[in-house]
């Protein structure tokens, strides 16, 4: 992570703590331990790690499926 002064702040998270963000905030990729985090997918070269850090929300069925 970077601080507001652009200095590096190391953070350690458990994969089990990563949840989909339930927010409309821009630049939020996931939530862990009550904090929101953003991963820039264009600059993350490890695609396996990116897949783990971007949990997919459950698929919602369309209300129009029976029409």
C-alpha atoms as a PDB file:
ATOM      1  CA  UNK A   1       0.000   0.000   0.000  1.00  0.00           C
ATOM      2  CA  UNK A   2       0.975   3.614  -0.345  1.00  0.00           C
ATOM      3  CA  UNK A   3       0.377   6.266   2.280  1.00  0.00           C
ATOM      4  CA  UNK A   4      -0.991   9.691   1.408  1.00  0.00           C
ATOM      5  CA  UNK A   5       2.651  10.805   1.223  1.00  0.00           C
ATOM      6  CA  UNK A   6       3.361   8.032  -1.318  1.00  0.00           C
ATOM      7  CA  UNK A   7       5.556   6.050   1.057  1.00  0.00           C
ATOM      8  CA  UNK A   8       5.274   2.285   1.031  1.00  0.00           C
ATOM      9  CA  UNK A   9       3.273   0.633   3.832  1.00  0.00           C
ATOM     10  CA  UNK A  10       3.541  -3.171   3.959  1.00  0.00           C
ATOM     11  CA  UNK A  11       0.253  -4.998   4.620  1.00  0.00           C
ATOM     12  CA  UNK A  12      -0.269  -8.712   5.194  1.00  0.00           C
ATOM     13  CA  UNK A  13      -3.693 -10.207   4.489  1.00  0.00           C
ATOM     14  CA  UNK A  14      -5.027 -13.742   4.631  1.00  0.00           C
ATOM     15  CA  UNK A  15      -6.812 -14.998   1.520  1.00  0.00           C
ATOM     16  CA  UNK A  16      -9.596 -16.249   3.802  1.00  0.00           C
ATOM     17  CA  UNK A  17     -10.316 -12.638   4.853  1.00  0.00           C
ATOM     18  CA  UNK A  18     -10.868 -11.351   1.302  1.00  0.00           C
ATOM     19  CA  UNK A  19     -14.507 -10.632   0.478  1.00  0.00           C
ATOM     20  CA  UNK A  20     -16.308  -8.937  -2.424  1.00  0.00           C
ATOM     21  CA  UNK A  21     -16.773  -5.239  -1.667  1.00  0.00           C
ATOM     22  CA  UNK A  22     -20.360  -4.328  -0.933  1.00  0.00           C
ATOM     23  CA  UNK A  23     -19.966  -0.663  -1.819  1.00  0.00           C
ATOM     24  CA  UNK A  24     -20.420   1.704  -4.737  1.00  0.00           C
ATOM     25  CA  UNK A  25     -17.076   3.396  -4.092  1.00  0.00           C
ATOM     26  CA  UNK A  26     -14.876   3.784  -7.144  1.00  0.00           C
ATOM     27  CA  UNK A  27     -11.457   2.128  -7.107  1.00  0.00           C
ATOM     28  CA  UNK A  28     -12.380  -0.674  -4.698  1.00  0.00           C
ATOM     29  CA  UNK A  29     -11.468  -4.217  -5.712  1.00  0.00           C
ATOM     30  CA  UNK A  30     -12.003  -6.169  -2.506  1.00  0.00           C
ATOM     31  CA  UNK A  31     -12.627  -5.853   1.225  1.00  0.00           C
ATOM     32  CA  UNK A  32     -10.575  -7.487   3.974  1.00  0.00           C
ATOM     33  CA  UNK A  33     -10.786  -6.991   7.724  1.00  0.00           C
ATOM     34  CA  UNK A  34     -13.121  -4.023   7.360  1.00  0.00           C
ATOM     35  CA  UNK A  35     -10.822  -2.128   4.962  1.00  0.00           C
ATOM     36  CA  UNK A  36     -11.267  -1.539   1.238  1.00  0.00           C
ATOM     37  CA  UNK A  37      -8.432  -2.211  -1.220  1.00  0.00           C
ATOM     38  CA  UNK A  38      -7.814  -1.522  -4.908  1.00  0.00           C
ATOM     39  CA  UNK A  39      -5.709  -3.604  -7.289  1.00  0.00           C
ATOM     40  CA  UNK A  40      -4.765  -2.066 -10.629  1.00  0.00           C
ATOM     41  CA  UNK A  41      -5.385  -5.036 -12.941  1.00  0.00           C
ATOM     42  CA  UNK A  42      -3.362  -3.522 -15.786  1.00  0.00           C
ATOM     43  CA  UNK A  43      -0.221  -3.414 -13.658  1.00  0.00           C
ATOM     44  CA  UNK A  44      -0.698  -6.736 -11.841  1.00  0.00           C
ATOM     45  CA  UNK A  45       1.331  -9.230 -13.864  1.00  0.00           C
ATOM     46  CA  UNK A  46       0.485 -12.250 -11.687  1.00  0.00           C
ATOM     47  CA  UNK A  47      -2.921 -13.265 -13.091  1.00  0.00           C
ATOM     48  CA  UNK A  48      -3.397 -16.088 -10.542  1.00  0.00           C
ATOM     49  CA  UNK A  49      -2.926 -13.608  -7.680  1.00  0.00           C
ATOM     50  CA  UNK A  50      -5.240 -11.122  -9.394  1.00  0.00           C
ATOM     51  CA  UNK A  51      -7.948 -13.801  -9.657  1.00  0.00           C
ATOM     52  CA  UNK A  52      -7.660 -14.489  -5.914  1.00  0.00           C
ATOM     53  CA  UNK A  53      -7.779 -10.776  -5.025  1.00  0.00           C
ATOM     54  CA  UNK A  54     -10.849 -10.038  -7.140  1.00  0.00           C
ATOM     55  CA  UNK A  55     -13.599 -12.246  -5.733  1.00  0.00           C
ATOM     56  CA  UNK A  56     -16.579 -12.545  -8.034  1.00  0.00           C
ATOM     57  CA  UNK A  57     -19.978 -11.516  -6.748  1.00  0.00           C
ATOM     58  CA  UNK A  58     -22.679 -14.157  -6.883  1.00  0.00           C
ATOM     59  CA  UNK A  59     -24.554 -14.172 -10.152  1.00  0.00           C
ATOM     60  CA  UNK A  60     -27.934 -12.504  -9.943  1.00  0.00           C
ATOM     61  CA  UNK A  61     -30.751 -13.970 -11.950  1.00  0.00           C
ATOM     62  CA  UNK A  62     -32.655 -11.613 -14.161  1.00  0.00           C
ATOM     63  CA  UNK A  63     -36.160 -10.637 -13.085  1.00  0.00           C
ATOM     64  CA  UNK A  64     -37.146 -10.916 -16.763  1.00  0.00           C
ATOM     65  CA  UNK A  65     -36.107 -14.547 -17.239  1.00  0.00           C
ATOM     66  CA  UNK A  66     -39.695 -15.836 -17.193  1.00  0.00           C
ATOM     67  CA  UNK A  67     -41.082 -13.326 -19.691  1.00  0.00           C
END
